C-alpha cells in the first residue's frame, strides 16, 4: 500500500484501537475542516492559510459541528461511536497524528482536549425545555396573555 487513503488508514487505526467507530474519525476530519473555515471567517483580518488549530479550539469546533449536523441527537450519535467526553476527541486526533493524517506542534497533547466542555451541558441542556420559576403559573412563566 504505497499511498493509503483516509478510509484505509482509519480501518487500520480501528483494528489497533477499537474504542471508536470509523464514523467518529470521519466526523473529526470533517469537523476540523469546519472549524478551520469558521476560524478564517471570524478572523478574516488574519489571512493565515495554515494556521494551527489548538486542541481546545478544535474541541469547541467539533461541539458546534456536532450540534449543526445532529442537533438534539448529537450526544446520542457521538456516544454510539464511542465518543463520550472531550478527551475522546483528543485520542482520535492523536491516532490520526500517529498515522500522519494530521500534524501537531511540539506543545500539542491529547490532554489539551480534556474537560473543554461537558457533553451534557453542550449537547443535552440546549434542548431541554425551559423551567418554570418556582411558584409561577404557566401563563406567568411563559408570558401568555
Protein backbone atom coordinates (compact mmCIF):
# COMPACT_ATOMS: atom_id res chain seq x y z
CA UNK A 1 0.00 0.00 0.00
CA UNK A 2 2.09 2.92 -1.26
CA UNK A 3 -0.33 5.77 -0.56
CA UNK A 4 -3.28 4.64 1.56
CA UNK A 5 -6.40 6.77 1.53
CA UNK A 6 -8.19 8.05 4.62
CA UNK A 7 -10.61 5.09 4.78
CA UNK A 8 -7.72 2.60 4.69
CA UNK A 9 -5.87 4.43 7.45
CA UNK A 10 -9.00 4.60 9.61
CA UNK A 11 -9.61 0.87 9.09
CA UNK A 12 -6.06 0.21 10.32
CA UNK A 13 -6.49 2.54 13.31
CA UNK A 14 -9.78 0.85 14.25
CA UNK A 15 -8.03 -2.55 14.25
CA UNK A 16 -5.31 -1.18 16.54
CA UNK A 17 -7.66 0.87 18.75
CA UNK A 18 -11.27 -0.36 18.58
CA UNK A 19 -12.66 2.20 21.06
CA UNK A 20 -14.09 4.46 18.37
CA UNK A 21 -16.23 3.76 15.33
CA UNK A 22 -14.78 4.70 11.93
CA UNK A 23 -17.52 7.32 11.62
CA UNK A 24 -16.01 9.19 14.58
CA UNK A 25 -12.82 9.62 12.54
CA UNK A 26 -14.79 10.89 9.54
CA UNK A 27 -16.61 13.29 11.86
CA UNK A 28 -13.37 14.64 13.35
CA UNK A 29 -11.82 15.13 9.88
CA UNK A 30 -14.89 16.98 8.60
CA UNK A 31 -15.19 18.84 11.91
CA UNK A 32 -11.61 20.06 11.59
CA UNK A 33 -12.38 21.39 8.10
CA UNK A 34 -15.49 23.12 9.50
CA UNK A 35 -13.51 24.57 12.42
CA UNK A 36 -10.78 25.96 10.16
CA UNK A 37 -13.38 27.60 7.89
CA UNK A 38 -15.13 29.15 10.89
CA UNK A 39 -11.86 30.48 12.32
CA UNK A 40 -10.96 32.01 8.95
CA UNK A 41 -14.44 33.51 8.60
CA UNK A 42 -14.35 35.06 12.08
CA UNK A 43 -10.81 36.33 11.76
CA UNK A 44 -10.68 37.46 8.14
CA UNK A 45 -8.15 40.18 9.02
CA UNK A 46 -5.53 37.48 9.60
CA UNK A 47 -5.08 35.75 6.28
CA UNK A 48 -3.04 32.83 7.62
CA UNK A 49 -3.53 29.91 5.27
CA UNK A 50 -2.10 27.20 7.52
CA UNK A 51 -2.98 28.46 10.98
CA UNK A 52 -2.61 25.82 13.68
CA UNK A 53 -5.81 24.85 15.49
CA UNK A 54 -5.30 24.14 19.19
CA UNK A 55 -6.93 21.24 21.00
CA UNK A 56 -9.46 23.44 22.82
CA UNK A 57 -10.29 25.30 19.58
CA UNK A 58 -10.87 22.02 17.77
CA UNK A 59 -12.98 20.63 20.64
CA UNK A 60 -15.18 23.74 20.53
CA UNK A 61 -15.38 23.48 16.76
CA UNK A 62 -16.39 19.82 16.99
CA UNK A 63 -19.08 20.77 19.52
CA UNK A 64 -20.51 23.34 17.12
CA UNK A 65 -20.22 20.96 14.16
CA UNK A 66 -21.98 18.16 16.07
CA UNK A 67 -24.84 20.47 17.03
CA UNK A 68 -25.07 21.70 13.43
CA UNK A 69 -25.09 18.19 11.97
CA UNK A 70 -27.10 16.26 14.57
CA UNK A 71 -28.97 18.80 16.69
CA UNK A 72 -30.58 17.18 19.73
CA UNK A 73 -29.19 13.78 18.71
CA UNK A 74 -25.54 14.94 18.83
CA UNK A 75 -24.70 13.28 22.14
CA UNK A 76 -26.51 10.07 21.18
CA UNK A 77 -24.66 9.87 17.86
CA UNK A 78 -21.24 10.61 19.36
CA UNK A 79 -21.81 8.14 22.21
CA UNK A 80 -22.80 5.44 19.69
CA UNK A 81 -19.41 5.97 18.05
CA UNK A 82 -17.61 5.63 21.41
CA UNK A 83 -17.10 9.37 21.92
CA UNK A 84 -18.31 10.20 25.42
CA UNK A 85 -16.10 13.10 26.50
CA UNK A 86 -13.83 15.75 25.02
CA UNK A 87 -10.70 13.72 25.79
CA UNK A 88 -12.00 11.12 23.31
CA UNK A 89 -11.69 13.74 20.56
CA UNK A 90 -8.05 14.14 21.57
CA UNK A 91 -7.47 10.40 21.40
CA UNK A 92 -8.98 10.29 17.90
CA UNK A 93 -6.88 13.27 16.77
CA UNK A 94 -3.70 11.70 18.13
CA UNK A 95 -4.48 8.37 16.48
CA UNK A 96 -4.67 10.31 13.21
CA UNK A 97 -1.43 12.14 14.04
CA UNK A 98 0.34 8.83 14.67
CA UNK A 99 -0.65 7.77 11.15
CA UNK A 100 0.46 11.11 9.62
CA UNK A 101 -3.05 12.19 8.67
CA UNK A 102 -2.97 15.23 10.97
CA UNK A 103 0.05 17.13 12.23
CA UNK A 104 0.86 18.69 15.58
CA UNK A 105 3.18 21.15 17.23
CA UNK A 106 5.62 20.16 19.97
CA UNK A 107 3.21 21.60 22.55
CA UNK A 108 0.10 19.63 21.48
CA UNK A 109 -1.07 16.78 23.71
CA UNK A 110 -4.20 14.62 23.92
CA UNK A 111 -4.83 16.15 27.36
CA UNK A 112 -5.44 19.53 25.68
CA UNK A 113 -8.92 18.26 24.83
CA UNK A 114 -9.79 17.08 28.35
CA UNK A 115 -12.59 18.99 30.05
CA UNK A 116 -13.05 21.66 27.38
CA UNK A 117 -16.80 21.20 27.83
CA UNK A 118 -19.22 18.79 29.46
CA UNK A 119 -21.17 16.65 26.98
CA UNK A 120 -24.48 17.02 28.87
CA UNK A 121 -24.08 20.80 29.09
CA UNK A 122 -23.14 21.07 25.42
CA UNK A 123 -25.46 18.53 23.82
CA UNK A 124 -28.40 17.95 26.16
CA UNK A 125 -29.06 21.17 28.06
CA UNK A 126 -29.70 23.38 24.99
CA UNK A 127 -32.62 21.14 24.03
CA UNK A 128 -34.27 20.83 27.43
CA UNK A 129 -37.49 22.79 27.93
CA UNK A 130 -37.22 25.99 29.90
CA UNK A 131 -38.04 25.52 33.56
CA UNK A 132 -40.85 27.47 35.08
CA UNK A 133 -39.81 29.61 38.07
CA UNK A 134 -40.92 28.04 41.32
CA UNK A 135 -44.43 29.07 42.24
CA UNK A 136 -45.15 30.71 38.88
CA UNK A 137 -48.14 29.69 36.82
CA UNK A 138 -47.64 28.65 33.20
CA UNK A 139 -49.03 31.98 31.97
CA UNK A 140 -46.69 33.95 34.28
CA UNK A 141 -43.64 31.88 33.36
CA UNK A 142 -44.15 31.95 29.60
CA UNK A 143 -45.79 35.34 29.21
CA UNK A 144 -49.05 34.06 27.79
CA UNK A 145 -51.91 36.51 27.85
